[in-house]
Amino acid sequence: MPSFFDQGRYQVRMDWGLEGLVRVAPSDVVIVVDVLRFSSTVARRLDAGETVPLDADAHAVSLNGAALAARAAETGAVVLLGALASASAVARAVLAEQQRRAARTSILVLAAGELASREADAALRFAVEDLLGAGAVVDALGALGIDHTSPEAAAACEAFRGLRPAVRHLLTASGSGQELIERGVREEVLAAATVDAAASAPVLRDGVFSPYV
């Protein structure tokens, strides 16, 4: 029986973390948004001509994004990584996937959030960077005519639109941004805050992220 909270009546859905992946109706495409810094790093590496395995090293770097991508792949969905830097590239990949299928394609934009630890029962913390990244992806999808959005997706989109002029400040001032700056990788935070800087849309195929083509 459909749930009031599965967003199944909408083409573009949005939720948070593993619970969101389970809660939302099965989707043809899942876009995992882990802006600081898994999604942004993978997009940048693909632009440099690399591919990125979803292996032990990826899981070691990413507390949440890599695990969500692996779980999303288990559902049979096409799994993409989304970020502020790759929002338009990812939206174009979704449109291409819909054209390939020649059918209406359901999309879950899954914000990773932040986990307190690697423990199985670790609490998920709201992450402003992932809200903005998810909103950027929803906004880019709407620009291509994929705009039948759930209220959750629409709210994320409007958050991005309204706060876009302040994205750089918000990411550097956020808890995740401050943590990374303290580690000496301020430039990575600034790169992650640059909207549409990446040309590649990372897609997971056979355990490896490569550009969607």
C-alpha atoms as a PDB file:
ATOM      1  CA  MET A   1       0.000   0.000   0.000  1.00  0.00           C
ATOM      2  CA  PRO A   2       1.443   3.406  -0.944  1.00  0.00           C
ATOM      3  CA  SER A   3       2.588   5.628   1.909  1.00  0.00           C
ATOM      4  CA  PHE A   4       1.633   9.266   2.338  1.00  0.00           C
ATOM      5  CA  PHE A   5       5.365   9.925   2.617  1.00  0.00           C
ATOM      6  CA  ASP A   6       6.791   7.976  -0.327  1.00  0.00           C
ATOM      7  CA  GLN A   7       6.431  10.883  -2.817  1.00  0.00           C
ATOM      8  CA  GLY A   8       5.411   8.284  -5.388  1.00  0.00           C
ATOM      9  CA  ARG A   9       2.980  10.568  -7.175  1.00  0.00           C
ATOM     10  CA  TYR A  10       5.819  12.909  -8.174  1.00  0.00           C
ATOM     11  CA  GLN A  11       8.510  12.472 -10.808  1.00  0.00           C
ATOM     12  CA  VAL A  12      11.210  14.320  -8.829  1.00  0.00           C
ATOM     13  CA  ARG A  13      11.501  13.321  -5.164  1.00  0.00           C
ATOM     14  CA  MET A  14      13.874  14.410  -2.423  1.00  0.00           C
ATOM     15  CA  ASP A  15      14.781  12.876   0.940  1.00  0.00           C
ATOM     16  CA  TRP A  16      17.686  12.330   3.335  1.00  0.00           C
ATOM     17  CA  GLY A  17      20.042   9.430   3.974  1.00  0.00           C
ATOM     18  CA  LEU A  18      19.404   5.720   4.092  1.00  0.00           C
ATOM     19  CA  GLU A  19      16.017   6.138   5.741  1.00  0.00           C
ATOM     20  CA  GLY A  20      14.987   8.382   2.860  1.00  0.00           C
ATOM     21  CA  LEU A  21      16.124   5.806   0.320  1.00  0.00           C
ATOM     22  CA  VAL A  22      13.929   3.231   2.054  1.00  0.00           C
ATOM     23  CA  ARG A  23      10.986   5.575   2.624  1.00  0.00           C
ATOM     24  CA  VAL A  24      10.622   6.975  -0.884  1.00  0.00           C
ATOM     25  CA  ALA A  25       8.940   4.940  -3.614  1.00  0.00           C
ATOM     26  CA  PRO A  26      11.346   2.962  -5.825  1.00  0.00           C
ATOM     27  CA  SER A  27      12.908   5.347  -8.335  1.00  0.00           C
ATOM     28  CA  ASP A  28      14.467   4.777 -11.740  1.00  0.00           C
ATOM     29  CA  VAL A  29      17.316   7.177 -10.981  1.00  0.00           C
ATOM     30  CA  VAL A  30      18.874   7.959  -7.599  1.00  0.00           C
ATOM     31  CA  ILE A  31      21.125  11.007  -7.346  1.00  0.00           C
ATOM     32  CA  VAL A  32      23.254  10.888  -4.206  1.00  0.00           C
ATOM     33  CA  VAL A  33      24.249  14.378  -3.051  1.00  0.00           C
ATOM     34  CA  ASP A  34      27.278  14.510  -0.744  1.00  0.00           C
ATOM     35  CA  VAL A  35      28.712  17.943  -1.524  1.00  0.00           C
ATOM     36  CA  LEU A  36      31.501  17.991   1.076  1.00  0.00           C
ATOM     37  CA  ARG A  37      33.090  16.227  -0.326  1.00  0.00           C
ATOM     38  CA  PHE A  38      32.453  12.881  -2.007  1.00  0.00           C
ATOM     39  CA  SER A  39      30.234  14.025  -4.900  1.00  0.00           C
ATOM     40  CA  SER A  40      32.346  17.090  -5.634  1.00  0.00           C
ATOM     41  CA  THR A  41      35.642  15.180  -5.510  1.00  0.00           C
ATOM     42  CA  VAL A  42      34.449  12.414  -7.819  1.00  0.00           C
ATOM     43  CA  ALA A  43      33.135  14.920 -10.380  1.00  0.00           C
ATOM     44  CA  ARG A  44      36.447  16.778 -10.317  1.00  0.00           C
ATOM     45  CA  ARG A  45      38.431  13.559 -10.779  1.00  0.00           C
ATOM     46  CA  LEU A  46      36.273  12.509 -13.720  1.00  0.00           C
ATOM     47  CA  ASP A  47      36.851  15.897 -15.331  1.00  0.00           C
ATOM     48  CA  ALA A  48      40.574  15.179 -15.001  1.00  0.00           C
ATOM     49  CA  GLY A  49      40.152  11.973 -17.009  1.00  0.00           C
ATOM     50  CA  GLU A  50      40.071   9.470 -14.129  1.00  0.00           C
ATOM     51  CA  THR A  51      37.513   6.887 -13.099  1.00  0.00           C
ATOM     52  CA  VAL A  52      36.736   6.285  -9.423  1.00  0.00           C
ATOM     53  CA  PRO A  53      36.040   2.794  -8.036  1.00  0.00           C
ATOM     54  CA  LEU A  54      33.443   2.486  -5.314  1.00  0.00           C
ATOM     55  CA  ASP A  55      35.870   0.462  -3.239  1.00  0.00           C
ATOM     56  CA  ALA A  56      37.287   0.367   0.270  1.00  0.00           C
ATOM     57  CA  ASP A  57      39.235   3.572  -0.342  1.00  0.00           C
ATOM     58  CA  ALA A  58      36.052   5.399  -1.365  1.00  0.00           C
ATOM     59  CA  HIS A  59      34.241   4.164   1.740  1.00  0.00           C
ATOM     60  CA  ALA A  60      37.196   5.233   3.890  1.00  0.00           C
ATOM     61  CA  VAL A  61      37.023   8.779   2.532  1.00  0.00           C
ATOM     62  CA  SER A  62      33.237   9.092   2.585  1.00  0.00           C
ATOM     63  CA  LEU A  63      31.352   8.397   5.796  1.00  0.00           C
ATOM     64  CA  ASN A  64      27.963   8.468   4.096  1.00  0.00           C
ATOM     65  CA  GLY A  65      27.934   9.228   0.363  1.00  0.00           C
ATOM     66  CA  ALA A  66      29.757   6.089  -0.776  1.00  0.00           C
ATOM     67  CA  ALA A  67      27.568   3.846   1.377  1.00  0.00           C
ATOM     68  CA  LEU A  68      24.392   5.480   0.054  1.00  0.00           C
ATOM     69  CA  ALA A  69      25.549   5.031  -3.538  1.00  0.00           C
ATOM     70  CA  ALA A  70      26.217   1.346  -2.899  1.00  0.00           C
ATOM     71  CA  ARG A  71      22.815   0.838  -1.270  1.00  0.00           C
ATOM     72  CA  ALA A  72      21.059   2.741  -4.042  1.00  0.00           C
ATOM     73  CA  ALA A  73      22.719   0.503  -6.640  1.00  0.00           C
ATOM     74  CA  GLU A  74      21.225  -2.522  -4.876  1.00  0.00           C
ATOM     75  CA  THR A  75      17.740  -1.229  -5.749  1.00  0.00           C
ATOM     76  CA  GLY A  76      18.493  -1.537  -9.466  1.00  0.00           C
ATOM     77  CA  ALA A  77      18.328   2.232  -9.999  1.00  0.00           C
ATOM     78  CA  VAL A  78      20.734   4.199 -12.159  1.00  0.00           C
ATOM     79  CA  VAL A  79      22.959   5.867  -9.552  1.00  0.00           C
ATOM     80  CA  LEU A  80      24.443   9.310 -10.148  1.00  0.00           C
ATOM     81  CA  LEU A  81      26.367  11.621  -7.843  1.00  0.00           C
ATOM     82  CA  GLY A  82      25.082  15.177  -7.640  1.00  0.00           C
ATOM     83  CA  ALA A  83      26.705  18.341  -6.332  1.00  0.00           C
ATOM     84  CA  LEU A  84      26.599  22.092  -6.700  1.00  0.00           C
ATOM     85  CA  ALA A  85      29.553  21.805  -9.063  1.00  0.00           C
ATOM     86  CA  SER A  86      27.873  19.214 -11.293  1.00  0.00           C
ATOM     87  CA  ALA A  87      24.170  20.079 -11.040  1.00  0.00           C
ATOM     88  CA  SER A  88      23.583  20.917 -14.705  1.00  0.00           C
ATOM     89  CA  ALA A  89      25.720  18.029 -15.955  1.00  0.00           C
ATOM     90  CA  VAL A  90      23.724  15.624 -13.792  1.00  0.00           C
ATOM     91  CA  ALA A  91      20.417  17.076 -14.985  1.00  0.00           C
ATOM     92  CA  ARG A  92      21.497  16.566 -18.601  1.00  0.00           C
ATOM     93  CA  ALA A  93      22.406  12.967 -17.784  1.00  0.00           C
ATOM     94  CA  VAL A  94      18.947  12.385 -16.292  1.00  0.00           C
ATOM     95  CA  LEU A  95      17.311  13.837 -19.388  1.00  0.00           C
ATOM     96  CA  ALA A  96      19.457  11.579 -21.587  1.00  0.00           C
ATOM     97  CA  GLU A  97      18.488   8.582 -19.456  1.00  0.00           C
ATOM     98  CA  GLN A  98      14.808   9.462 -19.818  1.00  0.00           C
ATOM     99  CA  GLN A  99      15.207   9.778 -23.578  1.00  0.00           C
ATOM    100  CA  ARG A 100      17.018   6.431 -23.670  1.00  0.00           C
ATOM    101  CA  ARG A 101      14.161   4.795 -21.801  1.00  0.00           C
ATOM    102  CA  ALA A 102      11.557   6.601 -23.926  1.00  0.00           C
ATOM    103  CA  ALA A 103       9.395   6.773 -20.814  1.00  0.00           C
ATOM    104  CA  ARG A 104       8.738   8.986 -17.831  1.00  0.00           C
ATOM    105  CA  THR A 105      11.635   8.451 -15.456  1.00  0.00           C
ATOM    106  CA  SER A 106      11.270   8.795 -11.683  1.00  0.00           C
ATOM    107  CA  ILE A 107      14.112  10.526  -9.857  1.00  0.00           C
ATOM    108  CA  LEU A 108      15.131  10.563  -6.200  1.00  0.00           C
ATOM    109  CA  VAL A 109      17.514  13.327  -5.185  1.00  0.00           C
ATOM    110  CA  LEU A 110      19.014  11.845  -2.018  1.00  0.00           C
ATOM    111  CA  ALA A 111      20.837  14.272   0.264  1.00  0.00           C
ATOM    112  CA  ALA A 112      23.483  12.402   2.238  1.00  0.00           C
ATOM    113  CA  GLY A 113      23.634  14.580   5.327  1.00  0.00           C
ATOM    114  CA  GLU A 114      26.330  13.915   7.927  1.00  0.00           C
ATOM    115  CA  LEU A 115      26.674  10.843  10.114  1.00  0.00           C
ATOM    116  CA  ALA A 116      28.057  11.285  13.616  1.00  0.00           C
ATOM    117  CA  SER A 117      30.157   8.102  13.293  1.00  0.00           C
ATOM    118  CA  ARG A 118      30.468   4.829  11.401  1.00  0.00           C
ATOM    119  CA  GLU A 119      28.337   3.001  13.954  1.00  0.00           C
ATOM    120  CA  ALA A 120      25.229   1.314  12.553  1.00  0.00           C
ATOM    121  CA  ASP A 121      22.948   3.454  14.741  1.00  0.00           C
ATOM    122  CA  ALA A 122      24.778   6.748  14.185  1.00  0.00           C
ATOM    123  CA  ALA A 123      22.498   9.771  14.046  1.00  0.00           C
ATOM    124  CA  LEU A 124      22.125  11.652  10.761  1.00  0.00           C
ATOM    125  CA  ARG A 125      22.771  15.387  10.958  1.00  0.00           C
ATOM    126  CA  PHE A 126      21.282  17.996   8.631  1.00  0.00           C
ATOM    127  CA  ALA A 127      23.950  19.358   6.262  1.00  0.00           C
ATOM    128  CA  VAL A 128      23.255  22.719   4.649  1.00  0.00           C
ATOM    129  CA  GLU A 129      25.663  21.949   1.803  1.00  0.00           C
ATOM    130  CA  ASP A 130      23.641  18.888   0.816  1.00  0.00           C
ATOM    131  CA  LEU A 131      20.356  20.797   0.994  1.00  0.00           C
ATOM    132  CA  LEU A 132      21.806  23.383  -1.391  1.00  0.00           C
ATOM    133  CA  GLY A 133      23.327  20.708  -3.633  1.00  0.00           C
ATOM    134  CA  ALA A 134      20.043  18.832  -3.832  1.00  0.00           C
ATOM    135  CA  GLY A 135      18.237  22.072  -4.601  1.00  0.00           C
ATOM    136  CA  ALA A 136      20.711  22.902  -7.352  1.00  0.00           C
ATOM    137  CA  VAL A 137      20.064  19.536  -8.996  1.00  0.00           C
ATOM    138  CA  VAL A 138      16.284  19.972  -8.755  1.00  0.00           C
ATOM    139  CA  ASP A 139      16.604  23.477 -10.200  1.00  0.00           C
ATOM    140  CA  ALA A 140      18.715  22.190 -13.105  1.00  0.00           C
ATOM    141  CA  LEU A 141      16.199  19.415 -13.786  1.00  0.00           C
ATOM    142  CA  GLY A 142      13.410  21.996 -13.871  1.00  0.00           C
ATOM    143  CA  ALA A 143      15.344  24.063 -16.396  1.00  0.00           C
ATOM    144  CA  LEU A 144      15.229  21.030 -18.703  1.00  0.00           C
ATOM    145  CA  GLY A 145      11.500  20.556 -18.242  1.00  0.00           C
ATOM    146  CA  ILE A 146      11.662  17.812 -15.607  1.00  0.00           C
ATOM    147  CA  ASP A 147       9.692  19.755 -13.044  1.00  0.00           C
ATOM    148  CA  HIS A 148       6.946  17.586 -11.534  1.00  0.00           C
ATOM    149  CA  THR A 149       8.497  17.920  -8.083  1.00  0.00           C
ATOM    150  CA  SER A 150       7.397  16.792  -4.657  1.00  0.00           C
ATOM    151  CA  PRO A 151       7.004  19.472  -1.969  1.00  0.00           C
ATOM    152  CA  GLU A 152      10.294  18.304  -0.449  1.00  0.00           C
ATOM    153  CA  ALA A 153      12.137  18.697  -3.755  1.00  0.00           C
ATOM    154  CA  ALA A 154      10.482  22.049  -4.429  1.00  0.00           C
ATOM    155  CA  ALA A 155      11.511  23.373  -1.015  1.00  0.00           C
ATOM    156  CA  ALA A 156      15.134  22.339  -1.571  1.00  0.00           C
ATOM    157  CA  CYS A 157      15.057  23.995  -4.993  1.00  0.00           C
ATOM    158  CA  GLU A 158      13.757  27.267  -3.592  1.00  0.00           C
ATOM    159  CA  ALA A 159      16.361  27.186  -0.818  1.00  0.00           C
ATOM    160  CA  PHE A 160      19.069  26.967  -3.469  1.00  0.00           C
ATOM    161  CA  ARG A 161      17.534  29.672  -5.649  1.00  0.00           C
ATOM    162  CA  GLY A 162      17.109  32.085  -2.754  1.00  0.00           C
ATOM    163  CA  LEU A 163      20.523  31.459  -1.236  1.00  0.00           C
ATOM    164  CA  ARG A 164      22.567  30.992  -4.408  1.00  0.00           C
ATOM    165  CA  PRO A 165      24.376  34.356  -4.049  1.00  0.00           C
ATOM    166  CA  ALA A 166      25.553  33.243  -0.607  1.00  0.00           C
ATOM    167  CA  VAL A 167      26.543  29.659  -1.439  1.00  0.00           C
ATOM    168  CA  ARG A 168      30.280  30.276  -1.113  1.00  0.00           C
ATOM    169  CA  HIS A 169      29.867  31.853   2.312  1.00  0.00           C
ATOM    170  CA  LEU A 170      27.395  29.217   3.494  1.00  0.00           C
ATOM    171  CA  LEU A 171      29.683  26.317   2.607  1.00  0.00           C
ATOM    172  CA  THR A 172      32.771  27.842   4.195  1.00  0.00           C
ATOM    173  CA  ALA A 173      30.789  28.830   7.295  1.00  0.00           C
ATOM    174  CA  SER A 174      28.998  25.492   7.667  1.00  0.00           C
ATOM    175  CA  GLY A 175      30.117  22.897  10.194  1.00  0.00           C
ATOM    176  CA  SER A 176      31.360  20.587   7.451  1.00  0.00           C
ATOM    177  CA  GLY A 177      33.165  23.443   5.734  1.00  0.00           C
ATOM    178  CA  GLN A 178      34.828  24.599   8.926  1.00  0.00           C
ATOM    179  CA  GLU A 179      35.950  21.057   9.667  1.00  0.00           C
ATOM    180  CA  LEU A 180      37.569  20.727   6.247  1.00  0.00           C
ATOM    181  CA  ILE A 181      39.142  24.177   6.431  1.00  0.00           C
ATOM    182  CA  GLU A 182      40.642  23.197   9.779  1.00  0.00           C
ATOM    183  CA  ARG A 183      42.178  20.184   7.978  1.00  0.00           C
ATOM    184  CA  GLY A 184      43.811  22.535   5.454  1.00  0.00           C
ATOM    185  CA  VAL A 185      41.627  21.875   2.406  1.00  0.00           C
ATOM    186  CA  ARG A 186      39.901  25.243   2.090  1.00  0.00           C
ATOM    187  CA  GLU A 187      40.382  25.214  -1.696  1.00  0.00           C
ATOM    188  CA  GLU A 188      38.336  22.029  -1.960  1.00  0.00           C
ATOM    189  CA  VAL A 189      35.484  23.674  -0.070  1.00  0.00           C
ATOM    190  CA  LEU A 190      35.610  26.679  -2.379  1.00  0.00           C
ATOM    191  CA  ALA A 191      35.670  24.419  -5.448  1.00  0.00           C
ATOM    192  CA  ALA A 192      32.650  22.522  -4.132  1.00  0.00           C
ATOM    193  CA  ALA A 193      30.800  25.832  -3.770  1.00  0.00           C
ATOM    194  CA  THR A 194      31.270  26.762  -7.436  1.00  0.00           C
ATOM    195  CA  VAL A 195      28.008  26.002  -9.214  1.00  0.00           C
ATOM    196  CA  ASP A 196      28.335  24.074 -12.501  1.00  0.00           C
ATOM    197  CA  ALA A 197      32.128  24.082 -12.465  1.00  0.00           C
ATOM    198  CA  ALA A 198      32.237  20.380 -13.421  1.00  0.00           C
ATOM    199  CA  ALA A 199      31.383  18.994 -16.844  1.00  0.00           C
ATOM    200  CA  SER A 200      31.050  15.356 -15.766  1.00  0.00           C
ATOM    201  CA  ALA A 201      27.992  13.610 -14.353  1.00  0.00           C
ATOM    202  CA  PRO A 202      29.328  10.662 -12.322  1.00  0.00           C
ATOM    203  CA  VAL A 203      27.348   7.458 -12.899  1.00  0.00           C
ATOM    204  CA  LEU A 204      27.992   4.173 -11.098  1.00  0.00           C
ATOM    205  CA  ARG A 205      28.436   1.232 -13.451  1.00  0.00           C
ATOM    206  CA  ASP A 206      29.882  -2.128 -12.410  1.00  0.00           C
ATOM    207  CA  GLY A 207      31.235  -0.644  -9.202  1.00  0.00           C
ATOM    208  CA  VAL A 208      33.057   2.267 -10.850  1.00  0.00           C
ATOM    209  CA  PHE A 209      32.108   5.928 -11.274  1.00  0.00           C
ATOM    210  CA  SER A 210      32.635   7.232 -14.790  1.00  0.00           C
ATOM    211  CA  PRO A 211      31.114  10.097 -16.803  1.00  0.00           C
ATOM    212  CA  TYR A 212      27.579   9.513 -18.008  1.00  0.00           C
ATOM    213  CA  VAL A 213      27.649   9.311 -21.802  1.00  0.00           C
END
